[in-house]
């Protein structure tokens, strides 16, 4: 059984977004989109990793393996659009 994981390079971009509190738009593999301020990452006891986004009305907790792409919604020197 192989588990789906994201690369360290992609994980670095997620950490950058959280460190600087960037507003991002996530496109998920199920074609949904979610927007918000990147807050932090979380790893659960069962080793699942999540990104927490502060949306306009709620905090979204998105499992990293469900993210298809991340777009920065503000200019920054680190990234514009990352495809996972």
PDB file of N, CA and C in Angstrom:
ATOM      1  N   UNK A   1       0.853  -1.185   0.000  1.00  0.00           N
ATOM      2  CA  UNK A   1       0.000   0.000   0.000  1.00  0.00           C
ATOM      3  C   UNK A   1       0.889   1.234   0.000  1.00  0.00           C
ATOM      4  N   UNK A   2       0.725   2.089  -0.991  1.00  0.00           N
ATOM      5  CA  UNK A   2       1.529   3.312  -1.039  1.00  0.00           C
ATOM      6  C   UNK A   2       0.656   4.506  -0.678  1.00  0.00           C
ATOM      7  N   UNK A   3       1.207   5.367   0.157  1.00  0.00           N
ATOM      8  CA  UNK A   3       0.474   6.549   0.583  1.00  0.00           C
ATOM      9  C   UNK A   3       0.863   7.721  -0.296  1.00  0.00           C
ATOM     10  N   UNK A   4      -0.080   8.570  -0.576  1.00  0.00           N
ATOM     11  CA  UNK A   4       0.157   9.751  -1.377  1.00  0.00           C
ATOM     12  C   UNK A   4       0.810  10.817  -0.495  1.00  0.00           C
ATOM     13  N   UNK A   5       1.926  11.393  -0.955  1.00  0.00           N
ATOM     14  CA  UNK A   5       2.603  12.456  -0.213  1.00  0.00           C
ATOM     15  C   UNK A   5       2.959  13.574  -1.177  1.00  0.00           C
ATOM     16  N   UNK A   6       3.228  14.753  -0.620  1.00  0.00           N
ATOM     17  CA  UNK A   6       3.661  15.866  -1.458  1.00  0.00           C
ATOM     18  C   UNK A   6       5.170  16.018  -1.304  1.00  0.00           C
ATOM     19  N   UNK A   7       5.798  16.614  -2.305  1.00  0.00           N
ATOM     20  CA  UNK A   7       7.243  16.783  -2.273  1.00  0.00           C
ATOM     21  C   UNK A   7       7.653  17.832  -1.239  1.00  0.00           C
ATOM     22  N   UNK A   8       8.897  17.745  -0.814  1.00  0.00           N
ATOM     23  CA  UNK A   8       9.423  18.722   0.154  1.00  0.00           C
ATOM     24  C   UNK A   8       9.414  20.134  -0.440  1.00  0.00           C
ATOM     25  N   UNK A   9       9.699  20.246  -1.732  1.00  0.00           N
ATOM     26  CA  UNK A   9       9.712  21.566  -2.377  1.00  0.00           C
ATOM     27  C   UNK A   9       8.328  22.211  -2.316  1.00  0.00           C
ATOM     28  N   UNK A  10       7.287  21.443  -2.574  1.00  0.00           N
ATOM     29  CA  UNK A  10       5.913  21.960  -2.502  1.00  0.00           C
ATOM     30  C   UNK A  10       5.577  22.320  -1.058  1.00  0.00           C
ATOM     31  N   UNK A  11       5.972  21.471  -0.141  1.00  0.00           N
ATOM     32  CA  UNK A  11       5.716  21.733   1.281  1.00  0.00           C
ATOM     33  C   UNK A  11       6.367  23.051   1.695  1.00  0.00           C
ATOM     34  N   UNK A  12       7.540  23.345   1.154  1.00  0.00           N
ATOM     35  CA  UNK A  12       8.230  24.610   1.453  1.00  0.00           C
ATOM     36  C   UNK A  12       7.384  25.814   1.054  1.00  0.00           C
ATOM     37  N   UNK A  13       6.718  25.743  -0.103  1.00  0.00           N
ATOM     38  CA  UNK A  13       5.862  26.853  -0.533  1.00  0.00           C
ATOM     39  C   UNK A  13       4.671  27.041   0.405  1.00  0.00           C
ATOM     40  N   UNK A  14       4.145  25.953   0.900  1.00  0.00           N
ATOM     41  CA  UNK A  14       3.042  26.036   1.863  1.00  0.00           C
ATOM     42  C   UNK A  14       3.531  26.716   3.139  1.00  0.00           C
ATOM     43  N   UNK A  15       4.702  26.332   3.600  1.00  0.00           N
ATOM     44  CA  UNK A  15       5.276  26.948   4.803  1.00  0.00           C
ATOM     45  C   UNK A  15       5.559  28.440   4.593  1.00  0.00           C
ATOM     46  N   UNK A  16       6.020  28.810   3.406  1.00  0.00           N
ATOM     47  CA  UNK A  16       6.254  30.229   3.091  1.00  0.00           C
ATOM     48  C   UNK A  16       4.936  30.996   3.165  1.00  0.00           C
ATOM     49  N   UNK A  17       3.884  30.432   2.572  1.00  0.00           N
ATOM     50  CA  UNK A  17       2.571  31.088   2.589  1.00  0.00           C
ATOM     51  C   UNK A  17       2.102  31.309   4.021  1.00  0.00           C
ATOM     52  N   UNK A  18       2.339  30.323   4.891  1.00  0.00           N
ATOM     53  CA  UNK A  18       1.927  30.443   6.293  1.00  0.00           C
ATOM     54  C   UNK A  18       2.798  31.446   7.045  1.00  0.00           C
ATOM     55  N   UNK A  19       4.092  31.382   6.829  1.00  0.00           N
ATOM     56  CA  UNK A  19       5.021  32.281   7.524  1.00  0.00           C
ATOM     57  C   UNK A  19       4.686  33.744   7.267  1.00  0.00           C
ATOM     58  N   UNK A  20       4.368  34.063   6.013  1.00  0.00           N
ATOM     59  CA  UNK A  20       4.092  35.445   5.644  1.00  0.00           C
ATOM     60  C   UNK A  20       2.605  35.784   5.653  1.00  0.00           C
ATOM     61  N   UNK A  21       1.759  34.803   5.953  1.00  0.00           N
ATOM     62  CA  UNK A  21       0.319  35.047   6.018  1.00  0.00           C
ATOM     63  C   UNK A  21      -0.282  35.461   4.696  1.00  0.00           C
ATOM     64  N   UNK A  22       0.193  34.836   3.610  1.00  0.00           N
ATOM     65  CA  UNK A  22      -0.308  35.202   2.279  1.00  0.00           C
ATOM     66  C   UNK A  22      -1.767  34.789   2.091  1.00  0.00           C
ATOM     67  N   UNK A  23      -2.493  35.616   1.372  1.00  0.00           N
ATOM     68  CA  UNK A  23      -3.817  35.258   0.885  1.00  0.00           C
ATOM     69  C   UNK A  23      -3.595  34.355  -0.320  1.00  0.00           C
ATOM     70  N   UNK A  24      -4.213  33.172  -0.299  1.00  0.00           N
ATOM     71  CA  UNK A  24      -4.030  32.216  -1.387  1.00  0.00           C
ATOM     72  C   UNK A  24      -5.370  31.659  -1.840  1.00  0.00           C
ATOM     73  N   UNK A  25      -5.357  31.151  -3.057  1.00  0.00           N
ATOM     74  CA  UNK A  25      -6.504  30.418  -3.592  1.00  0.00           C
ATOM     75  C   UNK A  25      -6.019  29.010  -3.878  1.00  0.00           C
ATOM     76  N   UNK A  26      -6.726  28.029  -3.351  1.00  0.00           N
ATOM     77  CA  UNK A  26      -6.392  26.631  -3.575  1.00  0.00           C
ATOM     78  C   UNK A  26      -7.391  26.029  -4.540  1.00  0.00           C
ATOM     79  N   UNK A  27      -6.890  25.303  -5.522  1.00  0.00           N
ATOM     80  CA  UNK A  27      -7.757  24.498  -6.372  1.00  0.00           C
ATOM     81  C   UNK A  27      -7.557  23.061  -5.911  1.00  0.00           C
ATOM     82  N   UNK A  28      -8.651  22.392  -5.592  1.00  0.00           N
ATOM     83  CA  UNK A  28      -8.582  21.030  -5.095  1.00  0.00           C
ATOM     84  C   UNK A  28      -8.819  20.036  -6.228  1.00  0.00           C
ATOM     85  N   UNK A  29      -8.405  18.799  -6.028  1.00  0.00           N
ATOM     86  CA  UNK A  29      -8.587  17.779  -7.061  1.00  0.00           C
ATOM     87  C   UNK A  29     -10.057  17.501  -7.358  1.00  0.00           C
ATOM     88  N   UNK A  30     -10.955  17.807  -6.429  1.00  0.00           N
ATOM     89  CA  UNK A  30     -12.386  17.617  -6.679  1.00  0.00           C
ATOM     90  C   UNK A  30     -13.002  18.831  -7.387  1.00  0.00           C
ATOM     91  N   UNK A  31     -12.125  19.750  -7.888  1.00  0.00           N
ATOM     92  CA  UNK A  31     -12.498  20.944  -8.653  1.00  0.00           C
ATOM     93  C   UNK A  31     -13.057  22.079  -7.804  1.00  0.00           C
ATOM     94  N   UNK A  32     -13.152  21.927  -6.488  1.00  0.00           N
ATOM     95  CA  UNK A  32     -13.544  23.030  -5.615  1.00  0.00           C
ATOM     96  C   UNK A  32     -12.386  24.012  -5.494  1.00  0.00           C
ATOM     97  N   UNK A  33     -12.711  25.257  -5.159  1.00  0.00           N
ATOM     98  CA  UNK A  33     -11.681  26.238  -4.836  1.00  0.00           C
ATOM     99  C   UNK A  33     -11.968  26.804  -3.447  1.00  0.00           C
ATOM    100  N   UNK A  34     -10.885  27.122  -2.745  1.00  0.00           N
ATOM    101  CA  UNK A  34     -10.984  27.682  -1.404  1.00  0.00           C
ATOM    102  C   UNK A  34      -9.997  28.832  -1.329  1.00  0.00           C
ATOM    103  N   UNK A  35     -10.416  29.956  -0.747  1.00  0.00           N
ATOM    104  CA  UNK A  35      -9.550  31.127  -0.594  1.00  0.00           C
ATOM    105  C   UNK A  35      -9.435  31.500   0.867  1.00  0.00           C
ATOM    106  N   UNK A  36      -8.297  32.074   1.214  1.00  0.00           N
ATOM    107  CA  UNK A  36      -8.118  32.561   2.564  1.00  0.00           C
ATOM    108  C   UNK A  36      -6.667  32.858   2.869  1.00  0.00           C
ATOM    109  N   UNK A  37      -6.442  33.300   4.092  1.00  0.00           N
ATOM    110  CA  UNK A  37      -5.095  33.603   4.564  1.00  0.00           C
ATOM    111  C   UNK A  37      -4.480  32.322   5.120  1.00  0.00           C
ATOM    112  N   UNK A  38      -3.303  31.957   4.612  1.00  0.00           N
ATOM    113  CA  UNK A  38      -2.610  30.766   5.100  1.00  0.00           C
ATOM    114  C   UNK A  38      -2.181  31.014   6.540  1.00  0.00           C
ATOM    115  N   UNK A  39      -2.613  30.135   7.435  1.00  0.00           N
ATOM    116  CA  UNK A  39      -2.330  30.310   8.859  1.00  0.00           C
ATOM    117  C   UNK A  39      -1.211  29.389   9.323  1.00  0.00           C
ATOM    118  N   UNK A  40      -1.429  28.081   9.175  1.00  0.00           N
ATOM    119  CA  UNK A  40      -0.468  27.108   9.687  1.00  0.00           C
ATOM    120  C   UNK A  40      -0.725  25.751   9.047  1.00  0.00           C
ATOM    121  N   UNK A  41       0.213  24.843   9.279  1.00  0.00           N
ATOM    122  CA  UNK A  41       0.003  23.452   8.900  1.00  0.00           C
ATOM    123  C   UNK A  41      -0.183  22.633  10.168  1.00  0.00           C
ATOM    124  N   UNK A  42      -0.778  21.484   9.996  1.00  0.00           N
ATOM    125  CA  UNK A  42      -1.044  20.605  11.138  1.00  0.00           C
ATOM    126  C   UNK A  42      -0.871  19.166  10.687  1.00  0.00           C
ATOM    127  N   UNK A  43      -0.222  18.366  11.514  1.00  0.00           N
ATOM    128  CA  UNK A  43      -0.115  16.931  11.272  1.00  0.00           C
ATOM    129  C   UNK A  43      -0.875  16.219  12.381  1.00  0.00           C
ATOM    130  N   UNK A  44      -1.778  15.347  11.997  1.00  0.00           N
ATOM    131  CA  UNK A  44      -2.594  14.629  12.971  1.00  0.00           C
ATOM    132  C   UNK A  44      -1.879  13.358  13.429  1.00  0.00           C
ATOM    133  N   UNK A  45      -2.424  12.719  14.444  1.00  0.00           N
ATOM    134  CA  UNK A  45      -1.842  11.483  14.969  1.00  0.00           C
ATOM    135  C   UNK A  45      -1.750  10.393  13.913  1.00  0.00           C
ATOM    136  N   UNK A  46      -2.703  10.406  12.966  1.00  0.00           N
ATOM    137  CA  UNK A  46      -2.672   9.394  11.910  1.00  0.00           C
ATOM    138  C   UNK A  46      -1.837   9.836  10.701  1.00  0.00           C
ATOM    139  N   UNK A  47      -0.981  10.844  10.910  1.00  0.00           N
ATOM    140  CA  UNK A  47       0.028  11.310   9.944  1.00  0.00           C
ATOM    141  C   UNK A  47      -0.550  12.017   8.718  1.00  0.00           C
ATOM    142  N   UNK A  48      -1.765  12.534   8.822  1.00  0.00           N
ATOM    143  CA  UNK A  48      -2.320  13.338   7.733  1.00  0.00           C
ATOM    144  C   UNK A  48      -1.908  14.788   7.956  1.00  0.00           C
ATOM    145  N   UNK A  49      -1.548  15.466   6.852  1.00  0.00           N
ATOM    146  CA  UNK A  49      -1.115  16.865   6.948  1.00  0.00           C
ATOM    147  C   UNK A  49      -2.187  17.785   6.380  1.00  0.00           C
ATOM    148  N   UNK A  50      -2.409  18.898   7.077  1.00  0.00           N
ATOM    149  CA  UNK A  50      -3.442  19.852   6.692  1.00  0.00           C
ATOM    150  C   UNK A  50      -2.879  21.262   6.638  1.00  0.00           C
ATOM    151  N   UNK A  51      -3.473  22.076   5.773  1.00  0.00           N
ATOM    152  CA  UNK A  51      -3.222  23.513   5.736  1.00  0.00           C
ATOM    153  C   UNK A  51      -4.470  24.191   6.278  1.00  0.00           C
ATOM    154  N   UNK A  52      -4.276  25.115   7.204  1.00  0.00           N
ATOM    155  CA  UNK A  52      -5.403  25.870   7.732  1.00  0.00           C
ATOM    156  C   UNK A  52      -5.426  27.240   7.057  1.00  0.00           C
ATOM    157  N   UNK A  53      -6.592  27.582   6.518  1.00  0.00           N
ATOM    158  CA  UNK A  53      -6.812  28.873   5.864  1.00  0.00           C
ATOM    159  C   UNK A  53      -7.878  29.628   6.625  1.00  0.00           C
ATOM    160  N   UNK A  54      -7.620  30.891   6.889  1.00  0.00           N
ATOM    161  CA  UNK A  54      -8.609  31.761   7.523  1.00  0.00           C
ATOM    162  C   UNK A  54      -9.438  32.383   6.413  1.00  0.00           C
ATOM    163  N   UNK A  55     -10.629  31.839   6.199  1.00  0.00           N
ATOM    164  CA  UNK A  55     -11.531  32.362   5.173  1.00  0.00           C
ATOM    165  C   UNK A  55     -12.313  33.538   5.723  1.00  0.00           C
ATOM    166  N   UNK A  56     -13.164  34.096   4.920  1.00  0.00           N
ATOM    167  CA  UNK A  56     -13.913  35.285   5.346  1.00  0.00           C
ATOM    168  C   UNK A  56     -14.881  34.978   6.487  1.00  0.00           C
ATOM    169  N   UNK A  57     -15.406  33.748   6.534  1.00  0.00           N
ATOM    170  CA  UNK A  57     -16.380  33.440   7.577  1.00  0.00           C
ATOM    171  C   UNK A  57     -16.023  32.210   8.419  1.00  0.00           C
ATOM    172  N   UNK A  58     -14.971  31.490   8.029  1.00  0.00           N
ATOM    173  CA  UNK A  58     -14.598  30.291   8.770  1.00  0.00           C
ATOM    174  C   UNK A  58     -13.152  29.910   8.485  1.00  0.00           C
ATOM    175  N   UNK A  59     -12.606  29.059   9.343  1.00  0.00           N
ATOM    176  CA  UNK A  59     -11.269  28.512   9.116  1.00  0.00           C
ATOM    177  C   UNK A  59     -11.427  27.190   8.377  1.00  0.00           C
ATOM    178  N   UNK A  60     -10.749  27.071   7.246  1.00  0.00           N
ATOM    179  CA  UNK A  60     -10.792  25.855   6.446  1.00  0.00           C
ATOM    180  C   UNK A  60      -9.578  25.002   6.781  1.00  0.00           C
ATOM    181  N   UNK A  61      -9.780  23.725   6.891  1.00  0.00           N
ATOM    182  CA  UNK A  61      -8.705  22.774   7.141  1.00  0.00           C
ATOM    183  C   UNK A  61      -8.665  21.839   5.941  1.00  0.00           C
ATOM    184  N   UNK A  62      -7.634  21.996   5.102  1.00  0.00           N
ATOM    185  CA  UNK A  62      -7.550  21.279   3.835  1.00  0.00           C
ATOM    186  C   UNK A  62      -6.400  20.269   3.897  1.00  0.00           C
ATOM    187  N   UNK A  63      -6.691  19.008   3.644  1.00  0.00           N
ATOM    188  CA  UNK A  63      -5.625  18.010   3.623  1.00  0.00           C
ATOM    189  C   UNK A  63      -4.713  18.272   2.421  1.00  0.00           C
ATOM    190  N   UNK A  64      -3.408  18.289   2.667  1.00  0.00           N
ATOM    191  CA  UNK A  64      -2.452  18.675   1.636  1.00  0.00           C
ATOM    192  C   UNK A  64      -2.546  17.817   0.384  1.00  0.00           C
ATOM    193  N   UNK A  65      -2.809  16.530   0.524  1.00  0.00           N
ATOM    194  CA  UNK A  65      -2.862  15.670  -0.662  1.00  0.00           C
ATOM    195  C   UNK A  65      -4.078  15.950  -1.541  1.00  0.00           C
ATOM    196  N   UNK A  66      -5.018  16.774  -1.067  1.00  0.00           N
ATOM    197  CA  UNK A  66      -6.193  17.127  -1.859  1.00  0.00           C
ATOM    198  C   UNK A  66      -6.002  18.404  -2.667  1.00  0.00           C
ATOM    199  N   UNK A  67      -4.856  19.074  -2.496  1.00  0.00           N
ATOM    200  CA  UNK A  67      -4.609  20.344  -3.186  1.00  0.00           C
ATOM    201  C   UNK A  67      -3.979  20.087  -4.550  1.00  0.00           C
ATOM    202  N   UNK A  68      -4.594  20.642  -5.582  1.00  0.00           N
ATOM    203  CA  UNK A  68      -4.094  20.526  -6.951  1.00  0.00           C
ATOM    204  C   UNK A  68      -3.143  21.672  -7.288  1.00  0.00           C
ATOM    205  N   UNK A  69      -3.485  22.893  -6.844  1.00  0.00           N
ATOM    206  CA  UNK A  69      -2.618  24.047  -7.086  1.00  0.00           C
ATOM    207  C   UNK A  69      -2.887  25.126  -6.047  1.00  0.00           C
ATOM    208  N   UNK A  70      -1.908  26.025  -5.892  1.00  0.00           N
ATOM    209  CA  UNK A  70      -2.022  27.145  -4.969  1.00  0.00           C
ATOM    210  C   UNK A  70      -1.579  28.407  -5.696  1.00  0.00           C
ATOM    211  N   UNK A  71      -2.408  29.437  -5.629  1.00  0.00           N
ATOM    212  CA  UNK A  71      -2.117  30.712  -6.274  1.00  0.00           C
ATOM    213  C   UNK A  71      -2.066  31.805  -5.215  1.00  0.00           C
ATOM    214  N   UNK A  72      -0.994  32.587  -5.234  1.00  0.00           N
ATOM    215  CA  UNK A  72      -0.895  33.731  -4.321  1.00  0.00           C
ATOM    216  C   UNK A  72      -1.810  34.832  -4.834  1.00  0.00           C
ATOM    217  N   UNK A  73      -2.603  35.422  -3.945  1.00  0.00           N
ATOM    218  CA  UNK A  73      -3.533  36.476  -4.333  1.00  0.00           C
ATOM    219  C   UNK A  73      -2.962  37.864  -4.076  1.00  0.00           C
ATOM    220  N   UNK A  74      -1.681  37.928  -3.759  1.00  0.00           N
ATOM    221  CA  UNK A  74      -0.999  39.201  -3.551  1.00  0.00           C
ATOM    222  C   UNK A  74       0.419  39.050  -4.085  1.00  0.00           C
ATOM    223  N   UNK A  75       0.974  40.126  -4.620  1.00  0.00           N
ATOM    224  CA  UNK A  75       2.352  40.041  -5.121  1.00  0.00           C
ATOM    225  C   UNK A  75       3.312  39.692  -3.991  1.00  0.00           C
ATOM    226  N   UNK A  76       4.271  38.826  -4.303  1.00  0.00           N
ATOM    227  CA  UNK A  76       5.292  38.454  -3.330  1.00  0.00           C
ATOM    228  C   UNK A  76       6.509  37.927  -4.088  1.00  0.00           C
ATOM    229  N   UNK A  77       7.673  37.891  -3.455  1.00  0.00           N
ATOM    230  CA  UNK A  77       8.886  37.453  -4.159  1.00  0.00           C
ATOM    231  C   UNK A  77       9.072  35.934  -4.200  1.00  0.00           C
ATOM    232  N   UNK A  78       8.136  35.167  -3.652  1.00  0.00           N
ATOM    233  CA  UNK A  78       8.365  33.735  -3.503  1.00  0.00           C
ATOM    234  C   UNK A  78       7.654  32.850  -4.526  1.00  0.00           C
ATOM    235  N   UNK A  79       6.401  33.144  -4.813  1.00  0.00           N
ATOM    236  CA  UNK A  79       5.665  32.329  -5.776  1.00  0.00           C
ATOM    237  C   UNK A  79       4.417  33.059  -6.255  1.00  0.00           C
ATOM    238  N   UNK A  80       3.961  32.669  -7.439  1.00  0.00           N
ATOM    239  CA  UNK A  80       2.689  33.153  -7.990  1.00  0.00           C
ATOM    240  C   UNK A  80       1.674  32.017  -8.013  1.00  0.00           C
ATOM    241  N   UNK A  81       2.044  30.950  -8.719  1.00  0.00           N
ATOM    242  CA  UNK A  81       1.149  29.805  -8.903  1.00  0.00           C
ATOM    243  C   UNK A  81       1.984  28.545  -8.821  1.00  0.00           C
ATOM    244  N   UNK A  82       1.590  27.628  -7.939  1.00  0.00           N
ATOM    245  CA  UNK A  82       2.308  26.375  -7.757  1.00  0.00           C
ATOM    246  C   UNK A  82       1.351  25.219  -8.084  1.00  0.00           C
ATOM    247  N   UNK A  83       1.792  24.343  -8.959  1.00  0.00           N
ATOM    248  CA  UNK A  83       1.002  23.149  -9.282  1.00  0.00           C
ATOM    249  C   UNK A  83       1.577  21.999  -8.465  1.00  0.00           C
ATOM    250  N   UNK A  84       0.707  21.342  -7.727  1.00  0.00           N
ATOM    251  CA  UNK A  84       1.131  20.235  -6.873  1.00  0.00           C
ATOM    252  C   UNK A  84       1.219  18.983  -7.710  1.00  0.00           C
TER     253      UNK A  84
END
